[in-house]
PDB file of N, CA and C in Angstrom:
ATOM      1  N   MET A   1      19.993  42.203  56.878  1.00  0.00           N
ATOM      2  CA  MET A   1      20.572  41.206  57.490  1.00  0.00           C
ATOM      3  C   MET A   1      21.748  40.729  56.617  1.00  0.00           C
ATOM      4  N   THR A   2      22.929  40.417  57.209  1.00  0.00           N
ATOM      5  CA  THR A   2      24.186  39.844  56.584  1.00  0.00           C
ATOM      6  C   THR A   2      24.623  38.654  57.307  1.00  0.00           C
ATOM      7  N   VAL A   3      24.771  37.662  56.349  1.00  0.00           N
ATOM      8  CA  VAL A   3      25.252  36.517  57.039  1.00  0.00           C
ATOM      9  C   VAL A   3      26.659  36.146  56.161  1.00  0.00           C
ATOM     10  N   ALA A   4      27.762  36.015  56.859  1.00  0.00           N
ATOM     11  CA  ALA A   4      29.148  35.614  56.206  1.00  0.00           C
ATOM     12  C   ALA A   4      29.886  34.439  56.807  1.00  0.00           C
ATOM     13  N   ASP A   5      30.454  33.920  56.076  1.00  0.00           N
ATOM     14  CA  ASP A   5      31.425  32.739  56.522  1.00  0.00           C
ATOM     15  C   ASP A   5      32.800  33.126  56.217  1.00  0.00           C
ATOM     16  N   HIS A   6      33.809  32.769  56.968  1.00  0.00           N
ATOM     17  CA  HIS A   6      35.181  33.166  56.702  1.00  0.00           C
ATOM     18  C   HIS A   6      35.740  31.953  55.917  1.00  0.00           C
ATOM     19  N   ALA A   7      36.734  32.231  54.990  1.00  0.00           N
ATOM     20  CA  ALA A   7      37.449  31.205  54.231  1.00  0.00           C
ATOM     21  C   ALA A   7      38.063  30.277  55.167  1.00  0.00           C
ATOM     22  N   ARG A   8      38.052  28.980  54.867  1.00  0.00           N
ATOM     23  CA  ARG A   8      38.835  27.940  55.652  1.00  0.00           C
ATOM     24  C   ARG A   8      39.907  27.379  54.820  1.00  0.00           C
ATOM     25  N   ASP A   9      40.855  26.660  55.540  1.00  0.00           N
ATOM     26  CA  ASP A   9      41.847  26.118  54.879  1.00  0.00           C
ATOM     27  C   ASP A   9      41.401  24.890  54.002  1.00  0.00           C
ATOM     28  N   GLN A  10      40.446  24.203  54.539  1.00  0.00           N
ATOM     29  CA  GLN A  10      39.897  23.033  53.987  1.00  0.00           C
ATOM     30  C   GLN A  10      38.535  23.175  53.468  1.00  0.00           C
ATOM     31  N   ALA A  11      38.148  22.689  52.352  1.00  0.00           N
ATOM     32  CA  ALA A  11      36.720  22.697  51.787  1.00  0.00           C
ATOM     33  C   ALA A  11      35.853  21.751  52.665  1.00  0.00           C
ATOM     34  N   LEU A  12      34.720  22.361  53.062  1.00  0.00           N
ATOM     35  CA  LEU A  12      33.751  21.516  53.759  1.00  0.00           C
ATOM     36  C   LEU A  12      33.156  20.503  53.020  1.00  0.00           C
ATOM     37  N   PRO A  13      32.751  19.290  53.497  1.00  0.00           N
ATOM     38  CA  PRO A  13      32.058  18.221  52.714  1.00  0.00           C
ATOM     39  C   PRO A  13      30.724  18.754  52.277  1.00  0.00           C
ATOM     40  N   ARG A  14      30.244  18.346  51.111  1.00  0.00           N
ATOM     41  CA  ARG A  14      29.065  18.639  50.514  1.00  0.00           C
ATOM     42  C   ARG A  14      28.056  17.388  50.532  1.00  0.00           C
ATOM     43  N   LEU A  15      26.809  17.757  50.766  1.00  0.00           N
ATOM     44  CA  LEU A  15      25.916  16.607  50.646  1.00  0.00           C
ATOM     45  C   LEU A  15      25.505  16.301  49.222  1.00  0.00           C
ATOM     46  N   PRO A  16      25.309  15.211  48.827  1.00  0.00           N
ATOM     47  CA  PRO A  16      24.895  14.768  47.388  1.00  0.00           C
ATOM     48  C   PRO A  16      23.661  15.608  47.178  1.00  0.00           C
ATOM     49  N   SER A  17      23.487  15.938  45.781  1.00  0.00           N
ATOM     50  CA  SER A  17      22.331  16.945  45.478  1.00  0.00           C
ATOM     51  C   SER A  17      21.001  16.259  45.776  1.00  0.00           C
ATOM     52  N   ALA A  18      20.933  14.905  45.637  1.00  0.00           N
ATOM     53  CA  ALA A  18      19.583  14.156  45.924  1.00  0.00           C
ATOM     54  C   ALA A  18      19.171  14.369  47.407  1.00  0.00           C
ATOM     55  N   GLU A  19      20.029  14.648  48.302  1.00  0.00           N
ATOM     56  CA  GLU A  19      19.725  14.857  49.660  1.00  0.00           C
ATOM     57  C   GLU A  19      19.336  16.342  50.148  1.00  0.00           C
ATOM     58  N   ARG A  20      19.669  17.195  49.168  1.00  0.00           N
ATOM     59  CA  ARG A  20      19.263  18.608  49.476  1.00  0.00           C
ATOM     60  C   ARG A  20      17.683  18.926  49.189  1.00  0.00           C
ATOM     61  N   ALA A  21      17.319  19.739  50.022  1.00  0.00           N
ATOM     62  CA  ALA A  21      15.931  20.264  49.803  1.00  0.00           C
ATOM     63  C   ALA A  21      15.837  21.788  49.517  1.00  0.00           C
ATOM     64  N   GLY A  22      14.807  22.197  48.938  1.00  0.00           N
ATOM     65  CA  GLY A  22      14.578  23.599  48.929  1.00  0.00           C
ATOM     66  C   GLY A  22      15.112  24.121  47.549  1.00  0.00           C
ATOM     67  N   VAL A  23      15.063  25.445  47.378  1.00  0.00           N
ATOM     68  CA  VAL A  23      15.719  26.023  46.204  1.00  0.00           C
ATOM     69  C   VAL A  23      16.831  27.034  46.279  1.00  0.00           C
ATOM     70  N   GLY A  24      17.486  26.935  47.539  1.00  0.00           N
ATOM     71  CA  GLY A  24      18.776  27.626  47.796  1.00  0.00           C
ATOM     72  C   GLY A  24      18.637  29.150  47.626  1.00  0.00           C
ATOM     73  N   LEU A  25      19.714  29.663  47.073  1.00  0.00           N
ATOM     74  CA  LEU A  25      19.794  31.183  46.838  1.00  0.00           C
ATOM     75  C   LEU A  25      18.731  31.908  46.135  1.00  0.00           C
ATOM     76  N   ALA A  26      18.427  31.096  45.109  1.00  0.00           N
ATOM     77  CA  ALA A  26      17.331  31.686  44.193  1.00  0.00           C
ATOM     78  C   ALA A  26      16.033  31.710  44.928  1.00  0.00           C
ATOM     79  N   GLY A  27      15.623  30.895  45.843  1.00  0.00           N
ATOM     80  CA  GLY A  27      14.390  30.900  46.625  1.00  0.00           C
ATOM     81  C   GLY A  27      14.589  32.079  47.532  1.00  0.00           C
ATOM     82  N   LEU A  28      15.744  32.232  48.325  1.00  0.00           N
ATOM     83  CA  LEU A  28      15.805  33.282  49.180  1.00  0.00           C
ATOM     84  C   LEU A  28      15.634  34.537  48.516  1.00  0.00           C
ATOM     85  N   ALA A  29      16.297  34.791  47.232  1.00  0.00           N
ATOM     86  CA  ALA A  29      16.189  36.008  46.479  1.00  0.00           C
ATOM     87  C   ALA A  29      14.756  36.309  46.161  1.00  0.00           C
ATOM     88  N   GLU A  30      13.968  35.294  45.673  1.00  0.00           N
ATOM     89  CA  GLU A  30      12.611  35.526  45.491  1.00  0.00           C
ATOM     90  C   GLU A  30      11.760  35.962  46.589  1.00  0.00           C
ATOM     91  N   ARG A  31      12.070  35.283  47.691  1.00  0.00           N
ATOM     92  CA  ARG A  31      11.154  35.735  48.994  1.00  0.00           C
ATOM     93  C   ARG A  31      11.629  37.125  49.448  1.00  0.00           C
ATOM     94  N   VAL A  32      12.887  37.550  49.400  1.00  0.00           N
ATOM     95  CA  VAL A  32      13.278  38.793  49.806  1.00  0.00           C
ATOM     96  C   VAL A  32      12.660  39.925  48.856  1.00  0.00           C
ATOM     97  N   GLN A  33      12.658  39.598  47.534  1.00  0.00           N
ATOM     98  CA  GLN A  33      12.194  40.630  46.508  1.00  0.00           C
ATOM     99  C   GLN A  33      10.651  40.621  46.574  1.00  0.00           C
ATOM    100  N   ALA A  34       9.985  39.554  46.982  1.00  0.00           N
ATOM    101  CA  ALA A  34       8.429  39.586  47.145  1.00  0.00           C
ATOM    102  C   ALA A  34       7.980  40.502  48.249  1.00  0.00           C
ATOM    103  N   LEU A  35       9.048  40.801  49.259  1.00  0.00           N
ATOM    104  CA  LEU A  35       8.686  41.495  50.447  1.00  0.00           C
ATOM    105  C   LEU A  35       9.333  43.041  50.258  1.00  0.00           C
ATOM    106  N   GLY A  36       9.701  43.327  48.893  1.00  0.00           N
ATOM    107  CA  GLY A  36      10.162  44.509  48.645  1.00  0.00           C
ATOM    108  C   GLY A  36      11.485  44.966  48.935  1.00  0.00           C
ATOM    109  N   GLY A  37      12.346  43.774  49.278  1.00  0.00           N
ATOM    110  CA  GLY A  37      13.667  43.985  49.715  1.00  0.00           C
ATOM    111  C   GLY A  37      14.741  43.792  48.587  1.00  0.00           C
ATOM    112  N   GLU A  38      15.897  43.869  48.971  1.00  0.00           N
ATOM    113  CA  GLU A  38      17.049  43.632  47.874  1.00  0.00           C
ATOM    114  C   GLU A  38      17.902  42.469  48.552  1.00  0.00           C
ATOM    115  N   PHE A  39      18.349  41.612  47.590  1.00  0.00           N
ATOM    116  CA  PHE A  39      19.070  40.402  47.923  1.00  0.00           C
ATOM    117  C   PHE A  39      20.329  40.399  47.166  1.00  0.00           C
ATOM    118  N   THR A  40      21.507  40.050  47.815  1.00  0.00           N
ATOM    119  CA  THR A  40      22.798  39.885  47.085  1.00  0.00           C
ATOM    120  C   THR A  40      23.517  38.739  47.792  1.00  0.00           C
ATOM    121  N   SER A  41      24.418  37.945  46.962  1.00  0.00           N
ATOM    122  CA  SER A  41      25.186  36.873  47.590  1.00  0.00           C
ATOM    123  C   SER A  41      26.347  36.767  46.681  1.00  0.00           C
ATOM    124  N   GLY A  42      27.406  36.320  47.224  1.00  0.00           N
ATOM    125  CA  GLY A  42      28.636  36.117  46.510  1.00  0.00           C
ATOM    126  C   GLY A  42      29.935  35.925  47.351  1.00  0.00           C
ATOM    127  N   ARG A  43      30.929  35.815  46.544  1.00  0.00           N
ATOM    128  CA  ARG A  43      32.145  35.680  47.294  1.00  0.00           C
ATOM    129  C   ARG A  43      32.660  36.981  48.085  1.00  0.00           C
ATOM    130  N   ALA A  44      33.136  36.813  49.334  1.00  0.00           N
ATOM    131  CA  ALA A  44      33.701  38.064  50.052  1.00  0.00           C
ATOM    132  C   ALA A  44      34.981  38.286  49.474  1.00  0.00           C
ATOM    133  N   ALA A  45      35.353  39.603  49.612  1.00  0.00           N
ATOM    134  CA  ALA A  45      36.767  40.104  49.148  1.00  0.00           C
ATOM    135  C   ALA A  45      37.848  39.256  49.838  1.00  0.00           C
ATOM    136  N   GLY A  46      37.720  39.037  51.017  1.00  0.00           N
ATOM    137  CA  GLY A  46      38.912  38.370  51.727  1.00  0.00           C
ATOM    138  C   GLY A  46      38.830  36.794  51.680  1.00  0.00           C
ATOM    139  N   GLY A  47      37.823  36.203  51.103  1.00  0.00           N
ATOM    140  CA  GLY A  47      37.569  34.750  50.869  1.00  0.00           C
ATOM    141  C   GLY A  47      36.356  34.475  51.835  1.00  0.00           C
ATOM    142  N   GLY A  48      35.837  33.387  51.554  1.00  0.00           N
ATOM    143  CA  GLY A  48      34.426  33.013  52.139  1.00  0.00           C
ATOM    144  C   GLY A  48      33.243  33.504  51.371  1.00  0.00           C
ATOM    145  N   TRP A  49      32.089  33.547  51.874  1.00  0.00           N
ATOM    146  CA  TRP A  49      30.879  33.977  51.172  1.00  0.00           C
ATOM    147  C   TRP A  49      29.967  34.935  52.057  1.00  0.00           C
ATOM    148  N   VAL A  50      29.352  35.712  51.341  1.00  0.00           N
ATOM    149  CA  VAL A  50      28.338  36.595  52.084  1.00  0.00           C
ATOM    150  C   VAL A  50      27.007  36.631  51.391  1.00  0.00           C
ATOM    151  N   VAL A  51      26.013  36.586  52.216  1.00  0.00           N
ATOM    152  CA  VAL A  51      24.553  36.577  51.762  1.00  0.00           C
ATOM    153  C   VAL A  51      23.907  37.888  52.479  1.00  0.00           C
ATOM    154  N   LYS A  52      23.430  38.752  51.756  1.00  0.00           N
ATOM    155  CA  LYS A  52      22.873  39.786  52.339  1.00  0.00           C
ATOM    156  C   LYS A  52      21.213  40.221  51.912  1.00  0.00           C
ATOM    157  N   ALA A  53      20.490  40.563  52.898  1.00  0.00           N
ATOM    158  CA  ALA A  53      19.074  40.882  52.491  1.00  0.00           C
ATOM    159  C   ALA A  53      18.722  42.295  53.267  1.00  0.00           C
ATOM    160  N   VAL A  54      18.243  43.137  52.430  1.00  0.00           N
ATOM    161  CA  VAL A  54      17.969  44.394  52.974  1.00  0.00           C
ATOM    162  C   VAL A  54      16.410  44.703  52.804  1.00  0.00           C
ATOM    163  N   PHE A  55      15.763  44.926  53.892  1.00  0.00           N
ATOM    164  CA  PHE A  55      14.259  45.250  53.795  1.00  0.00           C
ATOM    165  C   PHE A  55      14.009  46.632  54.109  1.00  0.00           C
ATOM    166  N   PRO A  56      12.833  47.120  53.346  1.00  0.00           N
ATOM    167  CA  PRO A  56      12.395  48.509  53.620  1.00  0.00           C
ATOM    168  C   PRO A  56      11.859  48.584  55.054  1.00  0.00           C
TER     169      PRO A  56
END
């Protein structure tokens, strides 16, 4: 599964950290790996961000 956003001209507003829940990308990576999959995330070549999970 691959999820990507495209770079935008303006930065999106961020919630203050106190209002966030969960463990983010680290939690996603742990869950994918626990199921025998591979997880990657990072900036896309043309801008934006890509998150990818591959399951057996």
